[in-house]
Amino acid sequence: MIVRRLAGTALVVAALAGALAAPARAAAPPARPGPPGIQSVTPITQVYTYGQKVAAVAVEYSAPVNPWELDLDTFTVSDSIYNFRYNPIEDLARRADRTVTRVYTNDSIALNPYGRSTPGRYVIVELAADDPGGNTVIAEGRYVKVNPAQPTLVVQNEDVYARPGNGVGRGRVLSDGSPAAHPLSGESVDLLADDFAHESFVQGGTVLPYAYHLPEDYDPSREYPLVVILPGHGMGFNGANAGVQVVADIPATAWLQPEWTGTDEDVIVLAPQNQRVGAAAESALMVALVKSFMARFSVAADRVYASTVSYGSTLAWQTLATEPGLFTAVLLTGGFRVSAAQAAQIAAEPTPIWITHGTNDHLLPVAFARESAVLLRDAYVAAGVDPTEAAELIRYTEYGNEAFSEPDYHAAYGPTYEDASILRWLLAQEG
């Protein structure tokens, strides 16, 4: 033990002597700052009631940003005012400034629910959801798709400073204020939509793309309710618009959010994107997909629900008539009329159905929904269902213009999904 201590002491003395004898070395140069200016602009999108919009932009700099020098006027964000539901495609070139609601720093491309700054090189610029601009979905003939060249532009009006090393002062300038407009340069972060998996189902040579979402803590030993989303005609697959059925409107992503459903129950969501070849063929392929999906994942067979938008109603009517018992209950919004023959077939195995429609629907007359409700109730009674029970099984809600938060009175899914009690009703039905 004594020998080791002496040896160690000798080594220390020798090292000190060597250090004293060596010539002085120049101090290491400070780390060179990264290139000045904005490094990238990444959109963060969110699906609102009537579809996906740019909810924020993440502006990247070369070093952590001083948050105390940021305010609502630091940036101007502009975007197209085009909305595929109301505007001609020519309006894609018309622009307006978005309303900036919060500005803060973050260490990743993500929103902070409290709008508080975290040390980081990203500045998150949040935008008002009710602005007319920022919609990501555009029309392409009779179909819609996500715009591959989203026209969002960002102007940094004021100087942006680095976070000071000692917490005092402004820090060095990372980027000078300028009227230059910066386009989007990073791949978008699509809240909730990015959580869907995308695959294809093939039968008889026909391809059916679909998206699905499993609960975060999916456990194959449990059984989960399954909600099948049947979208409108324009969300059908045309070979170049895969995935748009998830983002064009709220029905797919709503089931991932307790604030929409009114419950924290875990739900599996399946969103087929049929090629538009006719309701009978589309229904048959969709049914095959649902059965295959149920065999693959842990689905409660007595809790399989369909929720439709517009044209999707035709697949629901066909499936209820030809595949009785597959769907436990159906929520049908702004849809087509059921035929008398289909109503009679459906009545053979009465299914709870809630029909909603806008009084002033400009595409599908409200008479379609009114007549469907009467046809189904009469068919149920003719099949032996008590009239009071038939009225309970076939529910009908009609919305006046004031119920729509955007003036597309065909989009009855809007006020329907904004009423969590209707979604809770759907999940409460059991076979």
Protein backbone atom coordinates (compact mmCIF):
# COMPACT_ATOMS: atom_id res chain seq x y z
CA MET A 1 0.00 0.00 0.00
CA ILE A 2 2.87 2.41 0.93
CA VAL A 3 4.69 1.62 -2.33
CA ARG A 4 1.57 2.42 -4.43
CA ARG A 5 1.07 5.73 -2.71
CA LEU A 6 4.68 6.71 -3.27
CA ALA A 7 4.48 5.72 -6.93
CA GLY A 8 1.34 7.72 -7.39
CA THR A 9 2.95 10.75 -5.77
CA ALA A 10 5.98 10.45 -8.03
CA LEU A 11 3.74 10.41 -11.12
CA VAL A 12 1.93 13.54 -10.01
CA VAL A 13 5.22 15.36 -9.34
CA ALA A 14 6.59 14.32 -12.73
CA ALA A 15 3.44 15.47 -14.48
CA LEU A 16 3.59 18.85 -12.78
CA ALA A 17 7.23 19.25 -13.71
CA GLY A 18 6.51 18.40 -17.33
CA ALA A 19 3.67 20.90 -17.43
CA LEU A 20 5.86 23.65 -16.03
CA ALA A 21 8.59 22.90 -18.52
CA ALA A 22 6.32 22.78 -21.59
CA PRO A 23 5.73 25.98 -23.57
CA ALA A 24 2.39 27.70 -23.01
CA ARG A 25 -0.37 26.63 -25.44
CA ALA A 26 -2.83 29.03 -27.07
CA ALA A 27 -6.40 28.84 -25.72
CA ALA A 28 -8.80 26.82 -27.86
CA PRO A 29 -10.76 29.09 -30.21
CA PRO A 30 -14.43 29.57 -29.36
CA ALA A 31 -16.92 27.42 -31.23
CA ARG A 32 -17.83 29.05 -34.51
CA PRO A 33 -21.45 30.09 -34.77
CA GLY A 34 -23.61 28.37 -37.33
CA PRO A 35 -24.70 30.14 -40.51
CA PRO A 36 -26.93 33.16 -39.87
CA GLY A 37 -30.57 33.37 -40.80
CA ILE A 38 -33.51 30.97 -40.82
CA GLN A 39 -32.41 27.37 -41.29
CA SER A 40 -35.80 25.80 -42.05
CA VAL A 41 -39.56 26.36 -41.76
CA THR A 42 -41.64 23.30 -40.91
CA PRO A 43 -45.45 23.26 -40.82
CA ILE A 44 -47.29 21.64 -37.93
CA THR A 45 -50.78 20.67 -39.04
CA GLN A 46 -53.92 19.72 -37.18
CA VAL A 47 -57.26 18.29 -38.30
CA TYR A 48 -60.10 20.57 -37.27
CA THR A 49 -63.80 19.94 -37.81
CA TYR A 50 -63.70 20.74 -41.50
CA GLY A 51 -60.26 19.44 -42.29
CA GLN A 52 -56.55 19.80 -41.86
CA LYS A 53 -54.89 23.21 -41.58
CA VAL A 54 -51.45 24.57 -40.80
CA ALA A 55 -51.80 25.12 -37.05
CA ALA A 56 -48.27 26.42 -36.48
CA VAL A 57 -44.86 26.77 -38.07
CA ALA A 58 -41.55 25.82 -36.50
CA VAL A 59 -38.82 28.27 -37.54
CA GLU A 60 -35.35 26.82 -37.03
CA TYR A 61 -32.19 28.78 -36.20
CA SER A 62 -28.55 27.76 -35.82
CA ALA A 63 -28.49 28.10 -32.03
CA PRO A 64 -30.93 28.29 -29.09
CA VAL A 65 -33.09 31.39 -29.40
CA ASN A 66 -33.63 34.10 -26.79
CA PRO A 67 -37.37 33.81 -26.04
CA TRP A 68 -37.55 37.13 -24.18
CA GLU A 69 -37.00 39.04 -27.40
CA LEU A 70 -39.93 37.37 -29.22
CA ASP A 71 -43.47 38.69 -29.46
CA LEU A 72 -46.57 38.30 -31.64
CA ASP A 73 -45.17 40.80 -34.15
CA THR A 74 -41.84 39.05 -34.67
CA PHE A 75 -43.28 36.97 -37.52
CA THR A 76 -45.92 37.32 -40.21
CA VAL A 77 -47.36 34.08 -41.59
CA SER A 78 -49.45 34.19 -44.75
CA ASP A 79 -51.24 31.46 -46.65
CA SER A 80 -53.77 30.79 -49.36
CA ILE A 81 -57.40 31.53 -48.45
CA TYR A 82 -58.51 28.63 -50.70
CA ASN A 83 -60.94 26.11 -49.23
CA PHE A 84 -61.90 23.23 -51.52
CA ARG A 85 -65.42 23.24 -50.09
CA TYR A 86 -66.24 26.76 -51.29
CA ASN A 87 -63.55 28.21 -53.53
CA PRO A 88 -62.57 27.59 -57.15
CA ILE A 89 -59.06 26.22 -57.50
CA GLU A 90 -58.00 29.61 -58.92
CA ASP A 91 -58.33 31.02 -55.40
CA LEU A 92 -55.30 28.97 -54.37
CA ALA A 93 -53.27 32.01 -55.48
CA ARG A 94 -55.17 34.40 -53.19
CA ARG A 95 -53.41 35.03 -49.90
CA ALA A 96 -54.11 36.49 -46.47
CA ASP A 97 -52.12 36.89 -43.27
CA ARG A 98 -52.83 34.38 -40.52
CA THR A 99 -53.46 35.50 -36.94
CA VAL A 100 -50.47 34.68 -34.72
CA THR A 101 -51.70 33.56 -31.29
CA ARG A 102 -48.51 32.42 -29.50
CA VAL A 103 -44.75 32.55 -30.07
CA TYR A 104 -42.28 30.53 -27.99
CA THR A 105 -39.10 28.49 -28.27
CA ASN A 106 -38.79 24.73 -28.16
CA ASP A 107 -36.10 22.08 -28.50
CA SER A 108 -38.15 20.11 -31.05
CA ILE A 109 -40.77 20.64 -33.75
CA ALA A 110 -43.71 20.32 -31.41
CA LEU A 111 -46.42 22.36 -29.73
CA ASN A 112 -46.33 23.18 -26.05
CA PRO A 113 -49.88 23.00 -24.69
CA TYR A 114 -49.15 25.92 -22.37
CA GLY A 115 -47.25 28.03 -24.89
CA ARG A 116 -44.20 28.20 -22.64
CA SER A 117 -40.69 28.52 -23.96
CA THR A 118 -38.23 25.66 -23.58
CA PRO A 119 -34.56 26.33 -24.42
CA GLY A 120 -34.11 25.39 -28.05
CA ARG A 121 -33.35 26.55 -31.57
CA TYR A 122 -36.93 26.27 -32.84
CA VAL A 123 -39.40 29.13 -32.61
CA ILE A 124 -42.97 27.83 -32.63
CA VAL A 125 -45.45 30.28 -34.14
CA GLU A 126 -49.00 29.17 -33.39
CA LEU A 127 -51.87 30.30 -35.62
CA ALA A 128 -55.59 30.87 -35.09
CA ALA A 129 -57.73 27.89 -36.07
CA ASP A 130 -60.55 30.08 -37.35
CA ASP A 131 -58.45 31.98 -39.89
CA PRO A 132 -59.64 31.43 -43.46
CA GLY A 133 -56.15 30.46 -44.64
CA GLY A 134 -53.96 27.45 -44.16
CA ASN A 135 -56.10 24.58 -45.46
CA THR A 136 -53.93 21.72 -46.73
CA VAL A 137 -56.49 19.83 -48.83
CA ILE A 138 -57.12 20.84 -52.44
CA ALA A 139 -59.46 19.64 -55.19
CA GLU A 140 -58.20 17.61 -58.11
CA GLY A 141 -61.10 17.10 -60.47
CA ARG A 142 -63.79 15.13 -58.63
CA TYR A 143 -61.34 14.13 -55.90
CA VAL A 144 -59.34 15.86 -53.20
CA LYS A 145 -55.77 15.42 -52.01
CA VAL A 146 -53.25 16.96 -49.65
CA ASN A 147 -51.48 19.83 -51.39
CA PRO A 148 -47.89 18.69 -52.11
CA ALA A 149 -46.77 22.34 -52.32
CA GLN A 150 -48.43 24.02 -49.36
CA PRO A 151 -48.09 27.79 -50.05
CA THR A 152 -47.46 28.94 -46.46
CA LEU A 153 -44.92 31.78 -46.23
CA VAL A 154 -43.11 33.17 -43.16
CA VAL A 155 -41.60 36.65 -42.82
CA GLN A 156 -39.32 37.42 -39.87
CA ASN A 157 -40.10 41.07 -39.19
CA GLU A 158 -37.71 41.66 -36.28
CA ASP A 159 -34.20 40.56 -35.35
CA VAL A 160 -33.98 37.18 -33.62
CA TYR A 161 -31.29 36.79 -30.96
CA ALA A 162 -29.43 33.84 -29.50
CA ARG A 163 -30.12 32.85 -25.94
CA PRO A 164 -27.49 34.70 -23.83
CA GLY A 165 -24.98 32.42 -22.19
CA ASN A 166 -25.26 33.97 -18.73
CA GLY A 167 -28.95 34.78 -18.97
CA VAL A 168 -28.27 38.51 -19.25
CA GLY A 169 -28.67 40.67 -22.34
CA ARG A 170 -29.97 39.88 -25.78
CA GLY A 171 -27.34 37.50 -27.08
CA ARG A 172 -25.90 37.70 -30.57
CA VAL A 173 -28.12 38.21 -33.59
CA LEU A 174 -29.06 34.90 -35.18
CA SER A 175 -31.11 36.42 -37.97
CA ASP A 176 -31.78 39.97 -39.06
CA GLY A 177 -35.35 41.09 -39.56
CA SER A 178 -36.19 41.23 -43.25
CA PRO A 179 -39.19 41.48 -45.58
CA ALA A 180 -38.03 38.29 -47.30
CA ALA A 181 -40.71 35.57 -47.40
CA HIS A 182 -39.53 32.07 -46.48
CA PRO A 183 -41.42 29.07 -47.91
CA LEU A 184 -41.87 25.80 -46.09
CA SER A 185 -38.73 23.69 -46.24
CA GLY A 186 -39.25 20.82 -43.81
CA GLU A 187 -41.50 17.78 -44.00
CA SER A 188 -44.73 18.55 -42.19
CA VAL A 189 -45.53 17.29 -38.71
CA ASP A 190 -49.17 16.20 -38.91
CA LEU A 191 -50.65 15.92 -35.45
CA LEU A 192 -52.66 12.70 -34.97
CA ALA A 193 -52.69 12.00 -38.72
CA ASP A 194 -49.07 10.86 -38.45
CA ASP A 195 -50.18 8.29 -35.89
CA PHE A 196 -52.16 6.33 -38.50
CA ALA A 197 -50.60 3.37 -40.28
CA HIS A 198 -51.23 3.04 -44.02
CA GLU A 199 -51.55 -0.26 -45.85
CA SER A 200 -53.39 -1.81 -48.80
CA PHE A 201 -55.82 -4.70 -49.03
CA VAL A 202 -56.04 -6.60 -52.32
CA GLN A 203 -58.82 -8.92 -53.43
CA GLY A 204 -59.71 -10.03 -56.94
CA GLY A 205 -57.05 -7.77 -58.36
CA THR A 206 -58.60 -4.65 -56.81
CA VAL A 207 -56.54 -2.57 -54.41
CA LEU A 208 -58.15 -0.95 -51.38
CA PRO A 209 -55.81 1.44 -49.54
CA TYR A 210 -56.69 1.99 -45.92
CA ALA A 211 -55.45 3.76 -42.82
CA TYR A 212 -55.83 2.52 -39.29
CA HIS A 213 -55.00 3.54 -35.77
CA LEU A 214 -54.48 1.31 -32.75
CA PRO A 215 -54.62 2.59 -29.17
CA GLU A 216 -51.24 3.68 -27.86
CA ASP A 217 -51.19 0.85 -25.33
CA TYR A 218 -52.81 -1.70 -27.63
CA ASP A 219 -53.08 -5.05 -25.86
CA PRO A 220 -54.04 -8.07 -28.01
CA SER A 221 -55.47 -9.79 -24.93
CA ARG A 222 -58.19 -7.11 -24.77
CA GLU A 223 -61.05 -6.51 -27.18
CA TYR A 224 -61.59 -3.00 -28.53
CA PRO A 225 -64.49 -1.29 -30.28
CA LEU A 226 -63.82 -0.65 -33.97
CA VAL A 227 -65.05 2.46 -35.81
CA VAL A 228 -65.02 2.16 -39.61
CA ILE A 229 -64.94 5.54 -41.36
CA LEU A 230 -66.63 5.61 -44.78
CA PRO A 231 -65.65 8.95 -46.36
CA GLY A 232 -67.21 11.12 -49.03
CA HIS A 233 -66.83 10.55 -52.77
CA GLY A 234 -63.95 12.99 -53.23
CA MET A 235 -61.93 11.15 -50.59
CA GLY A 236 -62.01 7.95 -52.64
CA PHE A 237 -58.68 6.72 -53.98
CA ASN A 238 -57.70 8.05 -57.43
CA GLY A 239 -54.12 6.77 -57.47
CA ALA A 240 -52.53 9.99 -56.22
CA ASN A 241 -54.35 10.98 -53.03
CA ALA A 242 -53.62 8.20 -50.55
CA GLY A 243 -54.41 9.09 -46.95
CA VAL A 244 -56.64 12.09 -47.62
CA GLN A 245 -59.61 10.30 -45.99
CA VAL A 246 -57.89 10.82 -42.63
CA VAL A 247 -57.31 14.57 -42.96
CA ALA A 248 -60.07 15.99 -45.19
CA ASP A 249 -62.46 16.19 -42.24
CA ILE A 250 -62.71 15.24 -38.56
CA PRO A 251 -64.37 11.78 -38.42
CA ALA A 252 -61.18 9.68 -38.47
CA THR A 253 -59.04 11.60 -35.98
CA ALA A 254 -61.90 12.53 -33.62
CA TRP A 255 -61.94 9.01 -32.18
CA LEU A 256 -58.39 9.48 -30.91
CA GLN A 257 -59.39 12.49 -28.80
CA PRO A 258 -61.48 12.30 -25.60
CA GLU A 259 -62.42 15.96 -26.03
CA TRP A 260 -64.31 14.91 -29.16
CA THR A 261 -65.72 11.57 -28.08
CA GLY A 262 -66.56 12.54 -24.52
CA THR A 263 -64.96 9.34 -23.26
CA ASP A 264 -61.45 8.06 -22.63
CA GLU A 265 -62.28 4.58 -23.90
CA ASP A 266 -59.69 3.27 -26.36
CA VAL A 267 -61.01 2.78 -29.88
CA ILE A 268 -59.52 1.23 -33.01
CA VAL A 269 -60.15 3.29 -36.14
CA LEU A 270 -60.20 1.88 -39.68
CA ALA A 271 -60.54 4.24 -42.65
CA PRO A 272 -60.85 2.49 -46.02
CA GLN A 273 -60.27 4.53 -49.17
CA ASN A 274 -62.18 2.71 -51.88
CA GLN A 275 -61.69 3.35 -55.54
CA ARG A 276 -65.03 4.73 -56.75
CA VAL A 277 -66.39 1.85 -58.81
CA GLY A 278 -69.95 1.62 -57.44
CA ALA A 279 -71.48 0.99 -54.04
CA ALA A 280 -72.05 -2.75 -54.42
CA ALA A 281 -68.47 -3.59 -55.43
CA GLU A 282 -67.01 -1.10 -52.96
CA SER A 283 -69.10 -2.48 -50.12
CA ALA A 284 -68.07 -6.06 -50.87
CA LEU A 285 -64.38 -5.15 -50.86
CA MET A 286 -64.74 -3.01 -47.74
CA VAL A 287 -66.52 -5.87 -45.93
CA ALA A 288 -63.71 -8.24 -46.87
CA LEU A 289 -61.19 -5.75 -45.48
CA VAL A 290 -63.13 -5.33 -42.22
CA LYS A 291 -63.35 -9.10 -41.70
CA SER A 292 -59.65 -9.52 -42.47
CA PHE A 293 -58.80 -6.66 -40.13
CA MET A 294 -60.91 -8.15 -37.33
CA ALA A 295 -59.08 -11.45 -37.71
CA ARG A 296 -55.76 -9.67 -37.45
CA PHE A 297 -56.47 -7.37 -34.51
CA SER A 298 -58.36 -7.74 -31.26
CA VAL A 299 -61.78 -6.29 -32.11
CA ALA A 300 -64.98 -6.78 -30.12
CA ALA A 301 -67.27 -8.35 -32.74
CA ASP A 302 -70.35 -6.96 -30.99
CA ARG A 303 -68.98 -3.39 -31.13
CA VAL A 304 -68.18 -2.67 -34.78
CA TYR A 305 -69.48 0.73 -35.88
CA ALA A 306 -69.66 2.62 -39.14
CA SER A 307 -69.55 6.41 -39.46
CA THR A 308 -70.21 7.86 -42.89
CA VAL A 309 -69.81 11.13 -44.75
CA SER A 310 -71.96 11.87 -47.82
CA TYR A 311 -71.24 9.15 -50.44
CA GLY A 312 -70.06 6.80 -47.70
CA SER A 313 -73.74 6.33 -46.83
CA THR A 314 -74.21 4.25 -49.98
CA LEU A 315 -71.67 1.72 -48.71
CA ALA A 316 -73.37 1.67 -45.32
CA TRP A 317 -76.84 1.01 -46.78
CA GLN A 318 -75.46 -1.73 -49.02
CA THR A 319 -73.55 -3.37 -46.17
CA LEU A 320 -76.46 -3.22 -43.72
CA ALA A 321 -78.66 -4.89 -46.34
CA THR A 322 -76.24 -7.58 -47.50
CA GLU A 323 -74.04 -8.22 -44.45
CA PRO A 324 -76.49 -8.11 -41.54
CA GLY A 325 -74.83 -8.10 -38.15
CA LEU A 326 -71.46 -6.81 -39.30
CA PHE A 327 -72.12 -3.29 -38.07
CA THR A 328 -73.46 -2.97 -34.54
CA ALA A 329 -74.65 0.59 -35.19
CA VAL A 330 -74.23 3.28 -37.84
CA LEU A 331 -73.84 7.06 -37.72
CA LEU A 332 -74.83 8.42 -41.13
CA THR A 333 -74.20 12.12 -41.90
CA GLY A 334 -75.33 14.11 -44.95
CA GLY A 335 -76.00 10.97 -46.94
CA PHE A 336 -78.01 9.43 -49.73
CA ARG A 337 -81.49 7.94 -49.46
CA VAL A 338 -81.94 4.28 -48.49
CA SER A 339 -84.06 2.33 -50.96
CA ALA A 340 -87.28 0.62 -49.90
CA ALA A 341 -85.75 -2.75 -50.75
CA GLN A 342 -82.67 -2.03 -48.65
CA ALA A 343 -84.83 -0.82 -45.76
CA ALA A 344 -86.76 -4.10 -45.80
CA GLN A 345 -83.53 -6.11 -45.81
CA ILE A 346 -82.05 -4.05 -42.99
CA ALA A 347 -85.22 -4.51 -40.92
CA ALA A 348 -84.67 -8.27 -40.90
CA GLU A 349 -81.91 -7.60 -38.36
CA PRO A 350 -82.75 -4.16 -36.92
CA THR A 351 -79.66 -2.04 -36.39
CA PRO A 352 -79.46 1.24 -34.44
CA ILE A 353 -78.91 4.06 -36.95
CA TRP A 354 -78.56 7.79 -36.32
CA ILE A 355 -79.11 9.93 -39.42
CA THR A 356 -78.09 13.61 -39.50
CA HIS A 357 -78.52 16.13 -42.29
CA GLY A 358 -78.42 19.85 -42.96
CA THR A 359 -81.75 21.52 -43.72
CA ASN A 360 -80.14 23.50 -46.54
CA ASP A 361 -77.79 20.85 -47.88
CA HIS A 362 -76.97 22.06 -51.39
CA LEU A 363 -75.72 18.71 -52.72
CA LEU A 364 -78.01 16.04 -51.26
CA PRO A 365 -81.54 17.28 -50.48
CA VAL A 366 -82.65 17.00 -46.86
CA ALA A 367 -85.59 14.95 -48.19
CA PHE A 368 -83.12 12.06 -48.64
CA ALA A 369 -82.56 11.90 -44.88
CA ARG A 370 -86.17 12.53 -43.89
CA GLU A 371 -87.44 9.82 -46.22
CA SER A 372 -84.75 7.38 -45.11
CA ALA A 373 -85.75 7.76 -41.47
CA VAL A 374 -89.43 7.16 -42.31
CA LEU A 375 -88.69 4.20 -44.60
CA LEU A 376 -86.52 2.51 -41.97
CA ARG A 377 -88.92 3.06 -39.09
CA ASP A 378 -91.82 1.74 -41.15
CA ALA A 379 -89.76 -1.26 -42.25
CA TYR A 380 -88.78 -2.02 -38.65
CA VAL A 381 -92.40 -1.86 -37.52
CA ALA A 382 -93.44 -4.09 -40.43
CA ALA A 383 -90.79 -6.55 -39.26
CA GLY A 384 -92.37 -6.69 -35.81
CA VAL A 385 -90.51 -3.96 -33.93
CA ASP A 386 -92.63 -1.91 -31.54
CA PRO A 387 -93.17 1.63 -32.99
CA THR A 388 -91.66 3.27 -29.91
CA GLU A 389 -88.61 1.04 -30.15
CA ALA A 390 -88.37 1.67 -33.90
CA ALA A 391 -88.27 5.41 -33.24
CA GLU A 392 -85.47 4.81 -30.74
CA LEU A 393 -83.52 2.58 -33.13
CA ILE A 394 -83.78 5.03 -36.02
CA ARG A 395 -82.79 8.47 -34.78
CA TYR A 396 -82.87 11.58 -36.91
CA THR A 397 -81.35 15.04 -36.36
CA GLU A 398 -81.69 17.93 -38.78
CA TYR A 399 -79.39 20.94 -38.54
CA GLY A 400 -80.23 24.52 -39.46
CA ASN A 401 -77.55 26.82 -40.83
CA GLU A 402 -76.71 28.16 -37.36
CA ALA A 403 -75.42 24.73 -36.33
CA PHE A 404 -72.52 24.84 -38.81
CA SER A 405 -69.29 26.49 -37.68
CA GLU A 406 -68.36 26.78 -41.38
CA PRO A 407 -71.00 27.46 -44.04
CA ASP A 408 -70.88 24.12 -45.84
CA TYR A 409 -74.38 22.88 -45.13
CA HIS A 410 -73.69 19.57 -46.85
CA ALA A 411 -71.05 18.76 -44.23
CA ALA A 412 -73.48 17.51 -41.58
CA TYR A 413 -70.65 15.59 -39.94
CA GLY A 414 -69.54 19.00 -38.59
CA PRO A 415 -72.32 19.66 -36.07
CA THR A 416 -72.71 15.91 -35.59
CA TYR A 417 -69.13 15.40 -34.43
CA GLU A 418 -69.16 18.60 -32.44
CA ASP A 419 -71.89 16.95 -30.32
CA ALA A 420 -70.02 14.39 -28.19
CA SER A 421 -73.30 12.89 -27.00
CA ILE A 422 -73.88 11.43 -30.47
CA LEU A 423 -70.43 9.82 -30.50
CA ARG A 424 -71.04 8.43 -27.02
CA TRP A 425 -74.35 7.02 -28.25
CA LEU A 426 -72.56 5.17 -31.02
CA LEU A 427 -70.03 3.61 -28.65
CA ALA A 428 -72.80 2.65 -26.22
CA GLN A 429 -74.50 0.33 -28.75
CA GLU A 430 -73.73 -3.35 -28.32
CA GLY A 431 -74.76 -6.29 -30.44
